[in-house]
């Protein structure tokens, strides 16, 4: 037991430098310019859906709880991602409490984020709040992000990547983890910073990035250490599953009671304490 903890800490120390920067350069990541269609033309039916979803996001802002979550989700930092996903994951993710899991997640999302750089710069799509001349619910980011491409959504890339990686570690909690990852992307529509098609593309880019990560030997070692740490922490507790009793009915419809339980399992109501946005 003691030897395992020492080995894990030593491993994480060795890989700390790697985790602070991308494991793979953006030019070696899958290029969405080549495998995804361009953003919808403004005369297309798909763009009409984008506009309808923008109005949906405006309606969601009237829900003070959901609006606050979208504001909190706008904070781009590894610490905020860990805070957001700790509840559905089933344990607090911090450098001190779960060093191997933390460093795997840090390396994973920072590297996955690289996959959005080339398509963003290629398309330089206008963001919805700029298109409409509206304000967002995070006004302090508006000036900076008005000069940054909207397609695909960078926040969605990191949020969905975190969800995929953590559900791989704890598959019993996958429903809650993935639900929170989906919500994280939708927060960008609610905030007014992204069209729905930006968010949808972000999830696809994320999936391609995670597949590429698993081909990297350094990342595989980080994931191996994270899995050992998770197994050690849950050895006497069984799998951590905040939605164990939320098996859907046979018709795949979720009842209001189960939906409320899922939301409680997924949402961390405590907002991020600091704002540190990046160009996403």
C-alpha atoms as a PDB file:
ATOM      1  CA  UNK A   1       0.000   0.000   0.000  1.00  0.00           C
ATOM      2  CA  UNK A   2       2.693   2.474   1.072  1.00  0.00           C
ATOM      3  CA  UNK A   3       4.911   1.399  -1.832  1.00  0.00           C
ATOM      4  CA  UNK A   4       2.063   2.017  -4.300  1.00  0.00           C
ATOM      5  CA  UNK A   5       1.476   5.531  -2.962  1.00  0.00           C
ATOM      6  CA  UNK A   6       5.199   6.377  -3.125  1.00  0.00           C
ATOM      7  CA  UNK A   7       5.466   4.990  -6.658  1.00  0.00           C
ATOM      8  CA  UNK A   8       2.442   6.973  -7.807  1.00  0.00           C
ATOM      9  CA  UNK A   9       3.743  10.215  -6.330  1.00  0.00           C
ATOM     10  CA  UNK A  10       7.178   9.664  -7.872  1.00  0.00           C
ATOM     11  CA  UNK A  11       5.631   8.958 -11.261  1.00  0.00           C
ATOM     12  CA  UNK A  12       3.489  12.094 -11.120  1.00  0.00           C
ATOM     13  CA  UNK A  13       6.515  14.195 -10.163  1.00  0.00           C
ATOM     14  CA  UNK A  14       8.416  12.875 -13.187  1.00  0.00           C
ATOM     15  CA  UNK A  15       5.545  13.705 -15.534  1.00  0.00           C
ATOM     16  CA  UNK A  16       4.620  17.077 -13.999  1.00  0.00           C
ATOM     17  CA  UNK A  17       6.616  18.980 -16.618  1.00  0.00           C
ATOM     18  CA  UNK A  18       4.911  17.065 -19.425  1.00  0.00           C
ATOM     19  CA  UNK A  19       1.469  17.732 -17.984  1.00  0.00           C
ATOM     20  CA  UNK A  20       2.031  21.486 -17.975  1.00  0.00           C
ATOM     21  CA  UNK A  21       2.241  21.635 -21.767  1.00  0.00           C
ATOM     22  CA  UNK A  22       0.601  19.671 -24.597  1.00  0.00           C
ATOM     23  CA  UNK A  23       1.904  16.169 -25.109  1.00  0.00           C
ATOM     24  CA  UNK A  24       1.241  16.482 -28.846  1.00  0.00           C
ATOM     25  CA  UNK A  25       1.693  19.509 -31.086  1.00  0.00           C
ATOM     26  CA  UNK A  26      -1.420  20.867 -32.813  1.00  0.00           C
ATOM     27  CA  UNK A  27       0.040  19.952 -36.210  1.00  0.00           C
ATOM     28  CA  UNK A  28       0.177  16.306 -35.130  1.00  0.00           C
ATOM     29  CA  UNK A  29      -3.413  16.251 -33.917  1.00  0.00           C
ATOM     30  CA  UNK A  30      -6.360  15.269 -36.151  1.00  0.00           C
ATOM     31  CA  UNK A  31      -7.228  18.298 -38.306  1.00  0.00           C
ATOM     32  CA  UNK A  32     -10.954  19.011 -38.273  1.00  0.00           C
ATOM     33  CA  UNK A  33     -10.598  21.093 -41.432  1.00  0.00           C
ATOM     34  CA  UNK A  34     -10.124  17.764 -43.208  1.00  0.00           C
ATOM     35  CA  UNK A  35     -12.640  15.525 -41.418  1.00  0.00           C
ATOM     36  CA  UNK A  36     -15.522  17.871 -40.510  1.00  0.00           C
ATOM     37  CA  UNK A  37     -17.687  20.001 -42.795  1.00  0.00           C
ATOM     38  CA  UNK A  38     -17.293  23.778 -42.529  1.00  0.00           C
ATOM     39  CA  UNK A  39     -19.667  25.723 -40.272  1.00  0.00           C
ATOM     40  CA  UNK A  40     -23.186  26.129 -41.690  1.00  0.00           C
ATOM     41  CA  UNK A  41     -23.738  28.725 -44.384  1.00  0.00           C
ATOM     42  CA  UNK A  42     -25.925  31.583 -43.196  1.00  0.00           C
ATOM     43  CA  UNK A  43     -28.530  30.675 -45.829  1.00  0.00           C
ATOM     44  CA  UNK A  44     -28.751  27.014 -44.781  1.00  0.00           C
ATOM     45  CA  UNK A  45     -31.338  25.141 -42.735  1.00  0.00           C
ATOM     46  CA  UNK A  46     -28.545  24.214 -40.315  1.00  0.00           C
ATOM     47  CA  UNK A  47     -27.920  27.884 -39.593  1.00  0.00           C
ATOM     48  CA  UNK A  48     -31.622  28.385 -38.922  1.00  0.00           C
ATOM     49  CA  UNK A  49     -31.265  25.701 -36.258  1.00  0.00           C
ATOM     50  CA  UNK A  50     -28.242  27.543 -34.848  1.00  0.00           C
ATOM     51  CA  UNK A  51     -30.375  30.676 -34.594  1.00  0.00           C
ATOM     52  CA  UNK A  52     -33.193  28.767 -32.928  1.00  0.00           C
ATOM     53  CA  UNK A  53     -30.744  27.341 -30.385  1.00  0.00           C
ATOM     54  CA  UNK A  54     -29.406  30.810 -29.692  1.00  0.00           C
ATOM     55  CA  UNK A  55     -32.945  31.800 -28.700  1.00  0.00           C
ATOM     56  CA  UNK A  56     -33.138  28.632 -26.580  1.00  0.00           C
ATOM     57  CA  UNK A  57     -29.991  29.773 -24.797  1.00  0.00           C
ATOM     58  CA  UNK A  58     -31.530  33.172 -24.134  1.00  0.00           C
ATOM     59  CA  UNK A  59     -34.531  31.454 -22.544  1.00  0.00           C
ATOM     60  CA  UNK A  60     -32.265  29.287 -20.377  1.00  0.00           C
ATOM     61  CA  UNK A  61     -30.725  32.428 -18.893  1.00  0.00           C
ATOM     62  CA  UNK A  62     -34.041  33.110 -17.157  1.00  0.00           C
ATOM     63  CA  UNK A  63     -33.304  30.103 -14.941  1.00  0.00           C
ATOM     64  CA  UNK A  64     -30.975  31.693 -12.387  1.00  0.00           C
ATOM     65  CA  UNK A  65     -29.421  28.354 -11.363  1.00  0.00           C
ATOM     66  CA  UNK A  66     -28.670  27.270 -14.926  1.00  0.00           C
ATOM     67  CA  UNK A  67     -27.402  30.734 -15.793  1.00  0.00           C
ATOM     68  CA  UNK A  68     -25.000  30.677 -12.829  1.00  0.00           C
ATOM     69  CA  UNK A  69     -23.678  27.287 -13.945  1.00  0.00           C
ATOM     70  CA  UNK A  70     -23.034  28.637 -17.447  1.00  0.00           C
ATOM     71  CA  UNK A  71     -21.119  31.590 -15.990  1.00  0.00           C
ATOM     72  CA  UNK A  72     -19.042  29.274 -13.806  1.00  0.00           C
ATOM     73  CA  UNK A  73     -18.392  26.927 -16.729  1.00  0.00           C
ATOM     74  CA  UNK A  74     -16.873  29.832 -18.679  1.00  0.00           C
ATOM     75  CA  UNK A  75     -13.809  29.768 -16.413  1.00  0.00           C
ATOM     76  CA  UNK A  76     -11.065  27.928 -18.306  1.00  0.00           C
ATOM     77  CA  UNK A  77      -8.670  26.283 -15.877  1.00  0.00           C
ATOM     78  CA  UNK A  78      -7.679  22.754 -14.977  1.00  0.00           C
ATOM     79  CA  UNK A  79      -8.762  23.443 -11.404  1.00  0.00           C
ATOM     80  CA  UNK A  80     -12.239  24.471 -12.515  1.00  0.00           C
ATOM     81  CA  UNK A  81     -12.613  21.367 -14.703  1.00  0.00           C
ATOM     82  CA  UNK A  82     -11.623  19.218 -11.720  1.00  0.00           C
ATOM     83  CA  UNK A  83     -14.093  21.029  -9.470  1.00  0.00           C
ATOM     84  CA  UNK A  84     -16.905  20.609 -11.997  1.00  0.00           C
ATOM     85  CA  UNK A  85     -16.359  16.901 -12.567  1.00  0.00           C
ATOM     86  CA  UNK A  86     -15.488  15.852  -9.005  1.00  0.00           C
ATOM     87  CA  UNK A  87     -19.139  15.363  -8.044  1.00  0.00           C
ATOM     88  CA  UNK A  88     -20.218  13.131 -10.962  1.00  0.00           C
ATOM     89  CA  UNK A  89     -16.860  11.321 -10.811  1.00  0.00           C
ATOM     90  CA  UNK A  90     -17.465  10.470  -7.173  1.00  0.00           C
ATOM     91  CA  UNK A  91     -14.349  11.891  -5.546  1.00  0.00           C
ATOM     92  CA  UNK A  92     -12.570  15.209  -5.191  1.00  0.00           C
ATOM     93  CA  UNK A  93      -9.918  15.621  -7.882  1.00  0.00           C
ATOM     94  CA  UNK A  94      -6.956  17.702  -6.687  1.00  0.00           C
ATOM     95  CA  UNK A  95      -3.148  17.583  -7.080  1.00  0.00           C
ATOM     96  CA  UNK A  96      -2.877  16.582  -3.411  1.00  0.00           C
ATOM     97  CA  UNK A  97      -5.733  14.094  -3.028  1.00  0.00           C
ATOM     98  CA  UNK A  98      -5.518  12.438  -6.460  1.00  0.00           C
ATOM     99  CA  UNK A  99      -2.186  13.442  -8.040  1.00  0.00           C
ATOM    100  CA  UNK A 100      -2.134  10.785 -10.771  1.00  0.00           C
ATOM    101  CA  UNK A 101      -5.736  11.408 -11.844  1.00  0.00           C
ATOM    102  CA  UNK A 102      -5.189  15.164 -11.742  1.00  0.00           C
ATOM    103  CA  UNK A 103      -2.051  15.079 -13.907  1.00  0.00           C
ATOM    104  CA  UNK A 104      -3.612  12.661 -16.398  1.00  0.00           C
ATOM    105  CA  UNK A 105      -6.619  14.971 -16.741  1.00  0.00           C
ATOM    106  CA  UNK A 106      -4.421  18.058 -16.973  1.00  0.00           C
ATOM    107  CA  UNK A 107      -2.276  16.566 -19.738  1.00  0.00           C
ATOM    108  CA  UNK A 108      -5.341  15.174 -21.506  1.00  0.00           C
ATOM    109  CA  UNK A 109      -7.412  18.355 -21.750  1.00  0.00           C
ATOM    110  CA  UNK A 110      -4.475  20.657 -22.490  1.00  0.00           C
ATOM    111  CA  UNK A 111      -3.433  18.379 -25.339  1.00  0.00           C
ATOM    112  CA  UNK A 112      -6.983  17.845 -26.642  1.00  0.00           C
ATOM    113  CA  UNK A 113      -7.416  21.616 -26.736  1.00  0.00           C
ATOM    114  CA  UNK A 114      -4.742  21.734 -29.442  1.00  0.00           C
ATOM    115  CA  UNK A 115      -7.082  19.984 -31.872  1.00  0.00           C
ATOM    116  CA  UNK A 116      -9.301  23.067 -32.014  1.00  0.00           C
ATOM    117  CA  UNK A 117      -6.582  25.546 -32.950  1.00  0.00           C
ATOM    118  CA  UNK A 118      -6.280  24.899 -36.696  1.00  0.00           C
ATOM    119  CA  UNK A 119     -10.015  24.837 -37.550  1.00  0.00           C
ATOM    120  CA  UNK A 120     -10.650  27.941 -35.419  1.00  0.00           C
ATOM    121  CA  UNK A 121      -7.982  29.880 -37.268  1.00  0.00           C
ATOM    122  CA  UNK A 122      -9.045  28.457 -40.630  1.00  0.00           C
ATOM    123  CA  UNK A 123     -12.731  29.379 -40.439  1.00  0.00           C
ATOM    124  CA  UNK A 124     -12.663  32.391 -38.073  1.00  0.00           C
ATOM    125  CA  UNK A 125     -16.426  32.052 -37.692  1.00  0.00           C
ATOM    126  CA  UNK A 126     -18.263  35.012 -36.164  1.00  0.00           C
ATOM    127  CA  UNK A 127     -19.565  34.336 -32.686  1.00  0.00           C
ATOM    128  CA  UNK A 128     -23.318  34.660 -32.087  1.00  0.00           C
ATOM    129  CA  UNK A 129     -23.147  37.622 -29.707  1.00  0.00           C
ATOM    130  CA  UNK A 130     -21.119  39.507 -32.339  1.00  0.00           C
ATOM    131  CA  UNK A 131     -23.516  38.465 -35.110  1.00  0.00           C
ATOM    132  CA  UNK A 132     -26.516  39.757 -33.167  1.00  0.00           C
ATOM    133  CA  UNK A 133     -24.784  42.686 -31.487  1.00  0.00           C
ATOM    134  CA  UNK A 134     -25.884  41.297 -28.112  1.00  0.00           C
ATOM    135  CA  UNK A 135     -24.175  40.999 -24.758  1.00  0.00           C
ATOM    136  CA  UNK A 136     -23.261  37.691 -23.159  1.00  0.00           C
ATOM    137  CA  UNK A 137     -23.592  36.617 -19.536  1.00  0.00           C
ATOM    138  CA  UNK A 138     -19.785  36.861 -19.212  1.00  0.00           C
ATOM    139  CA  UNK A 139     -19.223  40.406 -20.535  1.00  0.00           C
ATOM    140  CA  UNK A 140     -15.585  40.628 -19.441  1.00  0.00           C
ATOM    141  CA  UNK A 141     -14.610  38.117 -22.158  1.00  0.00           C
ATOM    142  CA  UNK A 142     -16.481  39.735 -25.018  1.00  0.00           C
ATOM    143  CA  UNK A 143     -13.756  41.987 -26.422  1.00  0.00           C
ATOM    144  CA  UNK A 144     -11.032  39.344 -26.402  1.00  0.00           C
ATOM    145  CA  UNK A 145     -13.146  36.533 -27.829  1.00  0.00           C
ATOM    146  CA  UNK A 146     -14.660  38.708 -30.550  1.00  0.00           C
ATOM    147  CA  UNK A 147     -11.331  38.264 -32.351  1.00  0.00           C
ATOM    148  CA  UNK A 148     -11.244  34.484 -31.862  1.00  0.00           C
ATOM    149  CA  UNK A 149     -12.978  31.972 -34.138  1.00  0.00           C
ATOM    150  CA  UNK A 150     -16.202  30.349 -32.959  1.00  0.00           C
ATOM    151  CA  UNK A 151     -15.968  26.974 -34.769  1.00  0.00           C
ATOM    152  CA  UNK A 152     -15.402  24.564 -33.103  1.00  0.00           C
ATOM    153  CA  UNK A 153     -16.025  25.401 -29.443  1.00  0.00           C
ATOM    154  CA  UNK A 154     -12.796  25.104 -27.469  1.00  0.00           C
ATOM    155  CA  UNK A 155     -14.571  24.959 -24.119  1.00  0.00           C
ATOM    156  CA  UNK A 156     -16.616  22.036 -25.430  1.00  0.00           C
ATOM    157  CA  UNK A 157     -13.444  20.252 -26.543  1.00  0.00           C
ATOM    158  CA  UNK A 158     -11.934  20.354 -23.069  1.00  0.00           C
ATOM    159  CA  UNK A 159     -15.224  19.623 -21.279  1.00  0.00           C
ATOM    160  CA  UNK A 160     -16.087  16.616 -23.418  1.00  0.00           C
ATOM    161  CA  UNK A 161     -12.485  15.393 -23.265  1.00  0.00           C
ATOM    162  CA  UNK A 162     -12.585  15.515 -19.465  1.00  0.00           C
ATOM    163  CA  UNK A 163     -15.860  13.590 -19.498  1.00  0.00           C
ATOM    164  CA  UNK A 164     -14.473  10.896 -21.804  1.00  0.00           C
ATOM    165  CA  UNK A 165     -11.286  10.439 -19.791  1.00  0.00           C
ATOM    166  CA  UNK A 166     -13.008  10.309 -16.393  1.00  0.00           C
ATOM    167  CA  UNK A 167     -15.737   7.949 -17.598  1.00  0.00           C
ATOM    168  CA  UNK A 168     -12.956   5.675 -18.829  1.00  0.00           C
ATOM    169  CA  UNK A 169     -11.554   5.574 -15.291  1.00  0.00           C
ATOM    170  CA  UNK A 170     -14.956   5.146 -13.647  1.00  0.00           C
ATOM    171  CA  UNK A 171     -17.334   3.530 -16.174  1.00  0.00           C
ATOM    172  CA  UNK A 172     -19.957   2.884 -13.476  1.00  0.00           C
ATOM    173  CA  UNK A 173     -20.428   6.659 -13.225  1.00  0.00           C
ATOM    174  CA  UNK A 174     -20.252   7.289 -16.975  1.00  0.00           C
ATOM    175  CA  UNK A 175     -23.874   8.468 -17.276  1.00  0.00           C
ATOM    176  CA  UNK A 176     -23.413  11.249 -14.697  1.00  0.00           C
ATOM    177  CA  UNK A 177     -19.958  12.219 -15.980  1.00  0.00           C
ATOM    178  CA  UNK A 178     -21.056  12.398 -19.615  1.00  0.00           C
ATOM    179  CA  UNK A 179     -24.242  14.261 -18.688  1.00  0.00           C
ATOM    180  CA  UNK A 180     -22.113  16.933 -17.001  1.00  0.00           C
ATOM    181  CA  UNK A 181     -19.796  17.023 -20.010  1.00  0.00           C
ATOM    182  CA  UNK A 182     -22.778  17.576 -22.295  1.00  0.00           C
ATOM    183  CA  UNK A 183     -24.101  20.309 -19.996  1.00  0.00           C
ATOM    184  CA  UNK A 184     -20.702  21.998 -20.042  1.00  0.00           C
ATOM    185  CA  UNK A 185     -20.869  22.361 -23.817  1.00  0.00           C
ATOM    186  CA  UNK A 186     -24.450  23.630 -23.753  1.00  0.00           C
ATOM    187  CA  UNK A 187     -23.316  26.306 -21.300  1.00  0.00           C
ATOM    188  CA  UNK A 188     -21.492  27.952 -24.203  1.00  0.00           C
ATOM    189  CA  UNK A 189     -24.763  28.300 -26.128  1.00  0.00           C
ATOM    190  CA  UNK A 190     -26.473  29.721 -23.052  1.00  0.00           C
ATOM    191  CA  UNK A 191     -23.602  32.131 -22.446  1.00  0.00           C
ATOM    192  CA  UNK A 192     -23.951  33.428 -26.012  1.00  0.00           C
ATOM    193  CA  UNK A 193     -20.399  32.625 -27.048  1.00  0.00           C
ATOM    194  CA  UNK A 194     -21.098  29.721 -29.410  1.00  0.00           C
ATOM    195  CA  UNK A 195     -23.574  28.472 -31.955  1.00  0.00           C
ATOM    196  CA  UNK A 196     -24.976  24.990 -31.397  1.00  0.00           C
ATOM    197  CA  UNK A 197     -23.024  23.694 -34.412  1.00  0.00           C
ATOM    198  CA  UNK A 198     -19.791  24.964 -32.781  1.00  0.00           C
ATOM    199  CA  UNK A 199     -20.578  22.899 -29.704  1.00  0.00           C
ATOM    200  CA  UNK A 200     -21.566  19.809 -31.694  1.00  0.00           C
ATOM    201  CA  UNK A 201     -18.330  20.055 -33.686  1.00  0.00           C
ATOM    202  CA  UNK A 202     -16.373  20.492 -30.453  1.00  0.00           C
ATOM    203  CA  UNK A 203     -17.579  17.116 -29.195  1.00  0.00           C
ATOM    204  CA  UNK A 204     -16.477  15.413 -32.421  1.00  0.00           C
ATOM    205  CA  UNK A 205     -13.082  17.123 -32.355  1.00  0.00           C
ATOM    206  CA  UNK A 206     -12.689  16.080 -28.733  1.00  0.00           C
ATOM    207  CA  UNK A 207     -13.408  12.430 -29.558  1.00  0.00           C
ATOM    208  CA  UNK A 208     -10.789  12.488 -32.321  1.00  0.00           C
ATOM    209  CA  UNK A 209      -8.282  14.147 -29.983  1.00  0.00           C
ATOM    210  CA  UNK A 210      -8.794  11.551 -27.246  1.00  0.00           C
ATOM    211  CA  UNK A 211      -8.278   8.736 -29.767  1.00  0.00           C
ATOM    212  CA  UNK A 212      -4.998  10.388 -30.797  1.00  0.00           C
ATOM    213  CA  UNK A 213      -3.974  10.781 -27.156  1.00  0.00           C
ATOM    214  CA  UNK A 214      -4.325   7.056 -26.571  1.00  0.00           C
ATOM    215  CA  UNK A 215      -1.733   6.456 -29.295  1.00  0.00           C
ATOM    216  CA  UNK A 216       0.817   8.517 -27.345  1.00  0.00           C
ATOM    217  CA  UNK A 217       3.046   6.422 -25.030  1.00  0.00           C
ATOM    218  CA  UNK A 218       3.492   9.239 -22.491  1.00  0.00           C
ATOM    219  CA  UNK A 219      -0.243   9.655 -22.136  1.00  0.00           C
ATOM    220  CA  UNK A 220      -0.776   5.898 -21.829  1.00  0.00           C
ATOM    221  CA  UNK A 221       1.623   5.908 -18.880  1.00  0.00           C
ATOM    222  CA  UNK A 222      -0.289   8.773 -17.276  1.00  0.00           C
ATOM    223  CA  UNK A 223      -3.570   6.908 -17.746  1.00  0.00           C
ATOM    224  CA  UNK A 224      -2.040   3.735 -16.335  1.00  0.00           C
ATOM    225  CA  UNK A 225      -0.942   5.601 -13.198  1.00  0.00           C
ATOM    226  CA  UNK A 226      -4.358   7.262 -12.884  1.00  0.00           C
ATOM    227  CA  UNK A 227      -6.114   3.900 -13.126  1.00  0.00           C
ATOM    228  CA  UNK A 228      -3.860   2.405 -10.426  1.00  0.00           C
ATOM    229  CA  UNK A 229      -4.590   5.357  -8.165  1.00  0.00           C
ATOM    230  CA  UNK A 230      -8.325   5.087  -8.760  1.00  0.00           C
ATOM    231  CA  UNK A 231      -8.306   1.343  -8.090  1.00  0.00           C
ATOM    232  CA  UNK A 232      -6.339   1.896  -4.881  1.00  0.00           C
ATOM    233  CA  UNK A 233      -8.690   4.631  -3.629  1.00  0.00           C
ATOM    234  CA  UNK A 234     -11.793   2.557  -4.345  1.00  0.00           C
ATOM    235  CA  UNK A 235     -10.429  -0.848  -3.303  1.00  0.00           C
ATOM    236  CA  UNK A 236     -12.436  -0.986  -0.059  1.00  0.00           C
ATOM    237  CA  UNK A 237     -15.406   1.075  -1.240  1.00  0.00           C
ATOM    238  CA  UNK A 238     -16.466  -0.490  -4.525  1.00  0.00           C
ATOM    239  CA  UNK A 239     -17.025   1.560  -7.706  1.00  0.00           C
ATOM    240  CA  UNK A 240     -18.008   5.164  -7.167  1.00  0.00           C
ATOM    241  CA  UNK A 241     -21.327   5.651  -8.926  1.00  0.00           C
ATOM    242  CA  UNK A 242     -23.527   8.645  -8.046  1.00  0.00           C
ATOM    243  CA  UNK A 243     -26.209   7.407 -10.467  1.00  0.00           C
ATOM    244  CA  UNK A 244     -26.263   3.725  -9.473  1.00  0.00           C
ATOM    245  CA  UNK A 245     -30.038   3.816  -8.906  1.00  0.00           C
ATOM    246  CA  UNK A 246     -30.806   5.798 -12.061  1.00  0.00           C
ATOM    247  CA  UNK A 247     -31.208   2.958 -14.581  1.00  0.00           C
ATOM    248  CA  UNK A 248     -33.550   4.266 -17.318  1.00  0.00           C
ATOM    249  CA  UNK A 249     -36.937   2.643 -17.870  1.00  0.00           C
ATOM    250  CA  UNK A 250     -37.286   0.216 -20.772  1.00  0.00           C
ATOM    251  CA  UNK A 251     -38.753   2.920 -22.974  1.00  0.00           C
ATOM    252  CA  UNK A 252     -35.563   4.964 -22.338  1.00  0.00           C
ATOM    253  CA  UNK A 253     -37.548   7.860 -20.895  1.00  0.00           C
ATOM    254  CA  UNK A 254     -36.266   9.446 -17.708  1.00  0.00           C
ATOM    255  CA  UNK A 255     -38.931  10.263 -15.123  1.00  0.00           C
ATOM    256  CA  UNK A 256     -38.893  13.730 -13.491  1.00  0.00           C
ATOM    257  CA  UNK A 257     -37.791  12.180 -10.185  1.00  0.00           C
ATOM    258  CA  UNK A 258     -34.872  10.389 -11.810  1.00  0.00           C
ATOM    259  CA  UNK A 259     -33.992  13.515 -13.781  1.00  0.00           C
ATOM    260  CA  UNK A 260     -33.788  15.502 -10.554  1.00  0.00           C
ATOM    261  CA  UNK A 261     -31.567  12.847  -8.978  1.00  0.00           C
ATOM    262  CA  UNK A 262     -29.319  12.863 -12.036  1.00  0.00           C
ATOM    263  CA  UNK A 263     -29.028  16.645 -11.934  1.00  0.00           C
ATOM    264  CA  UNK A 264     -28.060  16.497  -8.245  1.00  0.00           C
ATOM    265  CA  UNK A 265     -25.444  13.848  -9.033  1.00  0.00           C
ATOM    266  CA  UNK A 266     -24.058  15.886 -11.919  1.00  0.00           C
ATOM    267  CA  UNK A 267     -24.099  19.512 -10.795  1.00  0.00           C
ATOM    268  CA  UNK A 268     -21.664  21.062  -8.360  1.00  0.00           C
ATOM    269  CA  UNK A 269     -23.602  24.124  -7.180  1.00  0.00           C
ATOM    270  CA  UNK A 270     -20.529  25.946  -5.927  1.00  0.00           C
ATOM    271  CA  UNK A 271     -19.267  28.437  -8.556  1.00  0.00           C
ATOM    272  CA  UNK A 272     -15.638  28.849  -9.465  1.00  0.00           C
ATOM    273  CA  UNK A 273     -13.890  31.358  -7.246  1.00  0.00           C
ATOM    274  CA  UNK A 274     -11.697  32.966  -9.901  1.00  0.00           C
ATOM    275  CA  UNK A 275     -12.063  33.768 -13.571  1.00  0.00           C
ATOM    276  CA  UNK A 276      -9.188  32.900 -15.863  1.00  0.00           C
ATOM    277  CA  UNK A 277     -10.527  32.564 -19.404  1.00  0.00           C
ATOM    278  CA  UNK A 278      -8.502  31.495 -22.420  1.00  0.00           C
ATOM    279  CA  UNK A 279      -9.169  32.096 -26.093  1.00  0.00           C
ATOM    280  CA  UNK A 280     -11.723  29.373 -26.730  1.00  0.00           C
END
